[in-house]
PDB file of all heavy atoms in Angstrom:
ATOM      1  N   ALA A   1       0.829  -1.199   0.000  1.00  0.00           N
ATOM      2  CA  ALA A   1       0.000   0.000   0.000  1.00  0.00           C
ATOM      3  C   ALA A   1       0.868   1.254   0.000  1.00  0.00           C
ATOM      4  O   ALA A   1       1.945   1.269   0.590  1.00  0.00           O
ATOM      5  CB  ALA A   1      -0.903   0.001   1.229  1.00  0.00           C
ATOM      6  N   SER A   2       0.381   2.274  -0.683  1.00  0.00           N
ATOM      7  CA  SER A   2       1.139   3.528  -0.773  1.00  0.00           C
ATOM      8  C   SER A   2       1.039   4.346   0.517  1.00  0.00           C
ATOM      9  O   SER A   2       1.793   5.303   0.688  1.00  0.00           O
ATOM     10  CB  SER A   2       0.636   4.371  -1.946  1.00  0.00           C
ATOM     11  OG  SER A   2      -0.745   4.671  -1.769  1.00  0.00           O
ATOM     12  N   GLY A   3       0.110   3.955   1.381  1.00  0.00           N
ATOM     13  CA  GLY A   3      -0.045   4.629   2.655  1.00  0.00           C
ATOM     14  C   GLY A   3      -0.315   3.617   3.754  1.00  0.00           C
ATOM     15  O   GLY A   3      -0.249   2.412   3.530  1.00  0.00           O
ATOM     16  N   SER A   4      -0.630   4.131   4.918  1.00  0.00           N
ATOM     17  CA  SER A   4      -0.872   3.240   6.050  1.00  0.00           C
ATOM     18  C   SER A   4      -2.124   2.397   5.861  1.00  0.00           C
ATOM     19  O   SER A   4      -3.139   2.886   5.385  1.00  0.00           O
ATOM     20  CB  SER A   4      -1.016   4.068   7.331  1.00  0.00           C
ATOM     21  OG  SER A   4      -1.360   3.228   8.422  1.00  0.00           O
ATOM     22  N   ILE A   5      -2.007   1.129   6.235  1.00  0.00           N
ATOM     23  CA  ILE A   5      -3.165   0.236   6.182  1.00  0.00           C
ATOM     24  C   ILE A   5      -3.744  -0.010   7.565  1.00  0.00           C
ATOM     25  O   ILE A   5      -4.649  -0.812   7.740  1.00  0.00           O
ATOM     26  CB  ILE A   5      -2.836  -1.121   5.512  1.00  0.00           C
ATOM     27  CG1 ILE A   5      -1.768  -1.873   6.304  1.00  0.00           C
ATOM     28  CG2 ILE A   5      -2.420  -0.917   4.067  1.00  0.00           C
ATOM     29  CD1 ILE A   5      -1.562  -3.306   5.819  1.00  0.00           C
ATOM     30  N   ARG A   6      -3.212   0.707   8.569  1.00  0.00           N
ATOM     31  CA  ARG A   6      -3.688   0.473   9.938  1.00  0.00           C
ATOM     32  C   ARG A   6      -5.182   0.735  10.070  1.00  0.00           C
ATOM     33  O   ARG A   6      -5.869   0.060  10.825  1.00  0.00           O
ATOM     34  CB  ARG A   6      -2.915   1.349  10.920  1.00  0.00           C
ATOM     35  CG  ARG A   6      -1.457   0.949  11.064  1.00  0.00           C
ATOM     36  CD  ARG A   6      -0.736   1.786  12.103  1.00  0.00           C
ATOM     37  NE  ARG A   6       0.677   1.481  12.141  1.00  0.00           N
ATOM     38  CZ  ARG A   6       1.200   0.472  12.814  1.00  0.00           C
ATOM     39  NH1 ARG A   6       0.416  -0.328  13.523  1.00  0.00           N
ATOM     40  NH2 ARG A   6       2.494   0.256  12.797  1.00  0.00           N
ATOM     41  N   SER A   7      -5.667   1.725   9.325  1.00  0.00           N
ATOM     42  CA  SER A   7      -7.091   2.059   9.418  1.00  0.00           C
ATOM     43  C   SER A   7      -7.958   1.153   8.554  1.00  0.00           C
ATOM     44  O   SER A   7      -9.191   1.214   8.636  1.00  0.00           O
ATOM     45  CB  SER A   7      -7.324   3.513   9.009  1.00  0.00           C
ATOM     46  OG  SER A   7      -6.963   3.702   7.661  1.00  0.00           O
ATOM     47  N   LEU A   8      -7.314   0.335   7.738  1.00  0.00           N
ATOM     48  CA  LEU A   8      -8.064  -0.601   6.892  1.00  0.00           C
ATOM     49  C   LEU A   8      -8.203  -1.900   7.668  1.00  0.00           C
ATOM     50  O   LEU A   8      -7.363  -2.796   7.585  1.00  0.00           O
ATOM     51  CB  LEU A   8      -7.339  -0.809   5.564  1.00  0.00           C
ATOM     52  CG  LEU A   8      -7.036   0.460   4.762  1.00  0.00           C
ATOM     53  CD1 LEU A   8      -6.299   0.128   3.474  1.00  0.00           C
ATOM     54  CD2 LEU A   8      -8.315   1.228   4.465  1.00  0.00           C
ATOM     55  N   ASN A   9      -9.282  -1.988   8.432  1.00  0.00           N
ATOM     56  CA  ASN A   9      -9.416  -3.082   9.384  1.00  0.00           C
ATOM     57  C   ASN A   9      -9.377  -4.459   8.744  1.00  0.00           C
ATOM     58  O   ASN A   9      -8.661  -5.349   9.177  1.00  0.00           O
ATOM     59  CB  ASN A   9     -10.708  -2.924  10.191  1.00  0.00           C
ATOM     60  CG  ASN A   9     -10.646  -1.717  11.112  1.00  0.00           C
ATOM     61  OD1 ASN A   9      -9.580  -1.325  11.563  1.00  0.00           O
ATOM     62  ND2 ASN A   9     -11.791  -1.122  11.374  1.00  0.00           N
ATOM     63  N   VAL A  10     -10.177  -4.633   7.712  1.00  0.00           N
ATOM     64  CA  VAL A  10     -10.265  -5.943   7.071  1.00  0.00           C
ATOM     65  C   VAL A  10      -9.661  -5.855   5.678  1.00  0.00           C
ATOM     66  O   VAL A  10     -10.129  -5.082   4.842  1.00  0.00           O
ATOM     67  CB  VAL A  10     -11.721  -6.442   6.973  1.00  0.00           C
ATOM     68  CG1 VAL A  10     -11.753  -7.868   6.433  1.00  0.00           C
ATOM     69  CG2 VAL A  10     -12.400  -6.364   8.337  1.00  0.00           C
ATOM     70  N   MET A  11      -8.618  -6.615   5.462  1.00  0.00           N
ATOM     71  CA  MET A  11      -7.994  -6.693   4.142  1.00  0.00           C
ATOM     72  C   MET A  11      -8.253  -8.076   3.567  1.00  0.00           C
ATOM     73  O   MET A  11      -8.354  -9.070   4.307  1.00  0.00           O
ATOM     74  CB  MET A  11      -6.498  -6.454   4.235  1.00  0.00           C
ATOM     75  CG  MET A  11      -6.115  -5.043   4.658  1.00  0.00           C
ATOM     76  SD  MET A  11      -6.620  -3.798   3.442  1.00  0.00           S
ATOM     77  CE  MET A  11      -5.675  -4.292   1.998  1.00  0.00           C
ATOM     78  N   GLY A  12      -8.346  -8.132   2.266  1.00  0.00           N
ATOM     79  CA  GLY A  12      -8.633  -9.417   1.641  1.00  0.00           C
ATOM     80  C   GLY A  12      -7.905  -9.610   0.336  1.00  0.00           C
ATOM     81  O   GLY A  12      -7.458  -8.647  -0.291  1.00  0.00           O
ATOM     82  N   TRP A  13      -7.787 -10.860  -0.035  1.00  0.00           N
ATOM     83  CA  TRP A  13      -7.302 -11.215  -1.369  1.00  0.00           C
ATOM     84  C   TRP A  13      -8.484 -11.756  -2.160  1.00  0.00           C
ATOM     85  O   TRP A  13      -9.297 -12.540  -1.636  1.00  0.00           O
ATOM     86  CB  TRP A  13      -6.207 -12.280  -1.289  1.00  0.00           C
ATOM     87  CG  TRP A  13      -4.877 -11.716  -0.930  1.00  0.00           C
ATOM     88  CD1 TRP A  13      -4.311 -11.646   0.305  1.00  0.00           C
ATOM     89  CD2 TRP A  13      -3.931 -11.133  -1.833  1.00  0.00           C
ATOM     90  NE1 TRP A  13      -3.081 -11.056   0.237  1.00  0.00           N
ATOM     91  CE2 TRP A  13      -2.805 -10.735  -1.071  1.00  0.00           C
ATOM     92  CE3 TRP A  13      -3.907 -10.918  -3.204  1.00  0.00           C
ATOM     93  CZ2 TRP A  13      -1.694 -10.128  -1.635  1.00  0.00           C
ATOM     94  CZ3 TRP A  13      -2.811 -10.316  -3.767  1.00  0.00           C
ATOM     95  CH2 TRP A  13      -1.706  -9.921  -2.982  1.00  0.00           C
ATOM     96  N   TYR A  14      -8.557 -11.335  -3.407  1.00  0.00           N
ATOM     97  CA  TYR A  14      -9.607 -11.747  -4.317  1.00  0.00           C
ATOM     98  C   TYR A  14      -8.937 -12.317  -5.563  1.00  0.00           C
ATOM     99  O   TYR A  14      -7.764 -12.045  -5.829  1.00  0.00           O
ATOM    100  CB  TYR A  14     -10.464 -10.553  -4.719  1.00  0.00           C
ATOM    101  CG  TYR A  14     -11.152  -9.848  -3.559  1.00  0.00           C
ATOM    102  CD1 TYR A  14     -10.439  -8.995  -2.722  1.00  0.00           C
ATOM    103  CD2 TYR A  14     -12.514 -10.024  -3.307  1.00  0.00           C
ATOM    104  CE1 TYR A  14     -11.057  -8.349  -1.660  1.00  0.00           C
ATOM    105  CE2 TYR A  14     -13.139  -9.379  -2.260  1.00  0.00           C
ATOM    106  CZ  TYR A  14     -12.402  -8.545  -1.439  1.00  0.00           C
ATOM    107  OH  TYR A  14     -13.025  -7.903  -0.389  1.00  0.00           O
ATOM    108  N   ARG A  15      -9.699 -13.066  -6.341  1.00  0.00           N
ATOM    109  CA  ARG A  15      -9.158 -13.550  -7.608  1.00  0.00           C
ATOM    110  C   ARG A  15     -10.255 -13.620  -8.645  1.00  0.00           C
ATOM    111  O   ARG A  15     -11.438 -13.753  -8.313  1.00  0.00           O
ATOM    112  CB  ARG A  15      -8.501 -14.915  -7.438  1.00  0.00           C
ATOM    113  CG  ARG A  15      -9.449 -16.065  -7.114  1.00  0.00           C
ATOM    114  CD  ARG A  15      -8.654 -17.349  -6.861  1.00  0.00           C
ATOM    115  NE  ARG A  15      -9.538 -18.487  -6.576  1.00  0.00           N
ATOM    116  CZ  ARG A  15      -9.082 -19.677  -6.191  1.00  0.00           C
ATOM    117  NH1 ARG A  15      -7.775 -19.894  -6.056  1.00  0.00           N
ATOM    118  NH2 ARG A  15      -9.940 -20.654  -5.950  1.00  0.00           N
ATOM    119  N   GLN A  16      -9.823 -13.519  -9.894  1.00  0.00           N
ATOM    120  CA  GLN A  16     -10.752 -13.627 -11.008  1.00  0.00           C
ATOM    121  C   GLN A  16     -10.129 -14.501 -12.079  1.00  0.00           C
ATOM    122  O   GLN A  16      -9.084 -14.149 -12.643  1.00  0.00           O
ATOM    123  CB  GLN A  16     -11.104 -12.260 -11.580  1.00  0.00           C
ATOM    124  CG  GLN A  16     -12.196 -12.313 -12.625  1.00  0.00           C
ATOM    125  CD  GLN A  16     -12.765 -10.951 -12.945  1.00  0.00           C
ATOM    126  OE1 GLN A  16     -12.153  -9.919 -12.680  1.00  0.00           O
ATOM    127  NE2 GLN A  16     -13.968 -10.924 -13.500  1.00  0.00           N
ATOM    128  N   ALA A  17     -10.765 -15.620 -12.311  1.00  0.00           N
ATOM    129  CA  ALA A  17     -10.322 -16.539 -13.355  1.00  0.00           C
ATOM    130  C   ALA A  17     -10.999 -16.160 -14.667  1.00  0.00           C
ATOM    131  O   ALA A  17     -12.063 -15.533 -14.660  1.00  0.00           O
ATOM    132  CB  ALA A  17     -10.670 -17.971 -12.968  1.00  0.00           C
ATOM    133  N   PRO A  18     -10.407 -16.542 -15.794  1.00  0.00           N
ATOM    134  CA  PRO A  18     -11.002 -16.212 -17.092  1.00  0.00           C
ATOM    135  C   PRO A  18     -12.441 -16.698 -17.197  1.00  0.00           C
ATOM    136  O   PRO A  18     -12.739 -17.853 -16.888  1.00  0.00           O
ATOM    137  CB  PRO A  18     -10.100 -16.939 -18.081  1.00  0.00           C
ATOM    138  CG  PRO A  18      -8.795 -17.074 -17.376  1.00  0.00           C
ATOM    139  CD  PRO A  18      -9.139 -17.269 -15.927  1.00  0.00           C
ATOM    140  N   GLY A  19     -13.322 -15.803 -17.585  1.00  0.00           N
ATOM    141  CA  GLY A  19     -14.722 -16.161 -17.776  1.00  0.00           C
ATOM    142  C   GLY A  19     -15.518 -16.317 -16.508  1.00  0.00           C
ATOM    143  O   GLY A  19     -16.684 -16.730 -16.548  1.00  0.00           O
ATOM    144  N   LYS A  20     -14.913 -15.997 -15.368  1.00  0.00           N
ATOM    145  CA  LYS A  20     -15.606 -16.153 -14.089  1.00  0.00           C
ATOM    146  C   LYS A  20     -15.667 -14.832 -13.342  1.00  0.00           C
ATOM    147  O   LYS A  20     -14.908 -13.909 -13.628  1.00  0.00           O
ATOM    148  CB  LYS A  20     -14.899 -17.203 -13.228  1.00  0.00           C
ATOM    149  CG  LYS A  20     -14.946 -18.610 -13.797  1.00  0.00           C
ATOM    150  CD  LYS A  20     -14.390 -19.602 -12.805  1.00  0.00           C
ATOM    151  CE  LYS A  20     -14.485 -21.024 -13.335  1.00  0.00           C
ATOM    152  NZ  LYS A  20     -13.954 -22.016 -12.354  1.00  0.00           N
ATOM    153  N   GLN A  21     -16.575 -14.765 -12.397  1.00  0.00           N
ATOM    154  CA  GLN A  21     -16.682 -13.569 -11.564  1.00  0.00           C
ATOM    155  C   GLN A  21     -15.557 -13.531 -10.535  1.00  0.00           C
ATOM    156  O   GLN A  21     -15.006 -14.565 -10.153  1.00  0.00           O
ATOM    157  CB  GLN A  21     -18.035 -13.552 -10.852  1.00  0.00           C
ATOM    158  CG  GLN A  21     -19.216 -13.263 -11.764  1.00  0.00           C
ATOM    159  CD  GLN A  21     -20.491 -13.010 -10.981  1.00  0.00           C
ATOM    160  OE1 GLN A  21     -20.694 -13.578  -9.906  1.00  0.00           O
ATOM    161  NE2 GLN A  21     -21.343 -12.159 -11.506  1.00  0.00           N
ATOM    162  N   ARG A  22     -15.239 -12.313 -10.115  1.00  0.00           N
ATOM    163  CA  ARG A  22     -14.242 -12.153  -9.074  1.00  0.00           C
ATOM    164  C   ARG A  22     -14.764 -12.772  -7.782  1.00  0.00           C
ATOM    165  O   ARG A  22     -15.934 -12.596  -7.439  1.00  0.00           O
ATOM    166  CB  ARG A  22     -13.940 -10.682  -8.875  1.00  0.00           C
ATOM    167  CG  ARG A  22     -12.677 -10.390  -8.091  1.00  0.00           C
ATOM    168  CD  ARG A  22     -12.336  -8.900  -8.151  1.00  0.00           C
ATOM    169  NE  ARG A  22     -12.017  -8.481  -9.510  1.00  0.00           N
ATOM    170  CZ  ARG A  22     -11.697  -7.233  -9.823  1.00  0.00           C
ATOM    171  NH1 ARG A  22     -11.702  -6.289  -8.896  1.00  0.00           N
ATOM    172  NH2 ARG A  22     -11.405  -6.918 -11.063  1.00  0.00           N
ATOM    173  N   GLU A  23     -13.910 -13.491  -7.069  1.00  0.00           N
ATOM    174  CA  GLU A  23     -14.322 -14.130  -5.834  1.00  0.00           C
ATOM    175  C   GLU A  23     -13.325 -13.820  -4.731  1.00  0.00           C
ATOM    176  O   GLU A  23     -12.145 -13.578  -4.986  1.00  0.00           O
ATOM    177  CB  GLU A  23     -14.411 -15.655  -6.012  1.00  0.00           C
ATOM    178  CG  GLU A  23     -13.102 -16.321  -6.357  1.00  0.00           C
ATOM    179  CD  GLU A  23     -13.201 -17.838  -6.402  1.00  0.00           C
ATOM    180  OE1 GLU A  23     -14.219 -18.403  -5.994  1.00  0.00           O
ATOM    181  OE2 GLU A  23     -12.209 -18.462  -6.853  1.00  0.00           O
ATOM    182  N   ILE A  24     -13.819 -13.862  -3.508  1.00  0.00           N
ATOM    183  CA  ILE A  24     -12.941 -13.605  -2.383  1.00  0.00           C
ATOM    184  C   ILE A  24     -12.219 -14.898  -2.021  1.00  0.00           C
ATOM    185  O   ILE A  24     -12.809 -15.981  -2.049  1.00  0.00           O
ATOM    186  CB  ILE A  24     -13.721 -13.019  -1.188  1.00  0.00           C
ATOM    187  CG1 ILE A  24     -12.769 -12.469  -0.136  1.00  0.00           C
ATOM    188  CG2 ILE A  24     -14.686 -14.047  -0.612  1.00  0.00           C
ATOM    189  CD1 ILE A  24     -13.417 -11.530   0.841  1.00  0.00           C
ATOM    190  N   VAL A  25     -10.938 -14.752  -1.682  1.00  0.00           N
ATOM    191  CA  VAL A  25     -10.105 -15.905  -1.373  1.00  0.00           C
ATOM    192  C   VAL A  25      -9.820 -15.988   0.123  1.00  0.00           C
ATOM    193  O   VAL A  25      -9.927 -17.053   0.730  1.00  0.00           O
ATOM    194  CB  VAL A  25      -8.784 -15.830  -2.159  1.00  0.00           C
ATOM    195  CG1 VAL A  25      -7.836 -16.930  -1.732  1.00  0.00           C
ATOM    196  CG2 VAL A  25      -9.056 -15.892  -3.656  1.00  0.00           C
ATOM    197  N   ALA A  26      -9.451 -14.844   0.700  1.00  0.00           N
ATOM    198  CA  ALA A  26      -9.072 -14.837   2.115  1.00  0.00           C
ATOM    199  C   ALA A  26      -9.201 -13.428   2.659  1.00  0.00           C
ATOM    200  O   ALA A  26      -9.037 -12.461   1.923  1.00  0.00           O
ATOM    201  CB  ALA A  26      -7.637 -15.331   2.297  1.00  0.00           C
ATOM    202  N   THR A  27      -9.482 -13.328   3.947  1.00  0.00           N
ATOM    203  CA  THR A  27      -9.533 -12.036   4.623  1.00  0.00           C
ATOM    204  C   THR A  27      -8.775 -12.119   5.935  1.00  0.00           C
ATOM    205  O   THR A  27      -8.616 -13.206   6.521  1.00  0.00           O
ATOM    206  CB  THR A  27     -10.970 -11.575   4.911  1.00  0.00           C
ATOM    207  OG1 THR A  27     -11.609 -12.528   5.765  1.00  0.00           O
ATOM    208  CG2 THR A  27     -11.764 -11.405   3.635  1.00  0.00           C
ATOM    209  N   ILE A  28      -8.322 -10.944   6.388  1.00  0.00           N
ATOM    210  CA  ILE A  28      -7.652 -10.866   7.671  1.00  0.00           C
ATOM    211  C   ILE A  28      -8.152  -9.626   8.404  1.00  0.00           C
ATOM    212  O   ILE A  28      -8.218  -8.538   7.833  1.00  0.00           O
ATOM    213  CB  ILE A  28      -6.115 -10.856   7.517  1.00  0.00           C
ATOM    214  CG1 ILE A  28      -5.434 -10.871   8.880  1.00  0.00           C
ATOM    215  CG2 ILE A  28      -5.646  -9.687   6.655  1.00  0.00           C
ATOM    216  CD1 ILE A  28      -3.944 -11.202   8.808  1.00  0.00           C
ATOM    217  N   ASN A  29      -8.513  -9.819   9.666  1.00  0.00           N
ATOM    218  CA  ASN A  29      -9.006  -8.739  10.503  1.00  0.00           C
ATOM    219  C   ASN A  29      -8.315  -8.887  11.852  1.00  0.00           C
ATOM    220  O   ASN A  29      -8.699  -9.732  12.665  1.00  0.00           O
ATOM    221  CB  ASN A  29     -10.526  -8.836  10.641  1.00  0.00           C
ATOM    222  CG  ASN A  29     -11.095  -7.723  11.498  1.00  0.00           C
ATOM    223  OD1 ASN A  29     -10.395  -6.789  11.894  1.00  0.00           O
ATOM    224  ND2 ASN A  29     -12.383  -7.793  11.787  1.00  0.00           N
TER     225      ASN A  29
END
């Protein structure tokens, strides 16, 4: 991140496969 992420309580990783909708993979809080 270009700035602080301390205020971003919940961060997540998402992915999008070809021809599919973006889906959530993992979150951290």
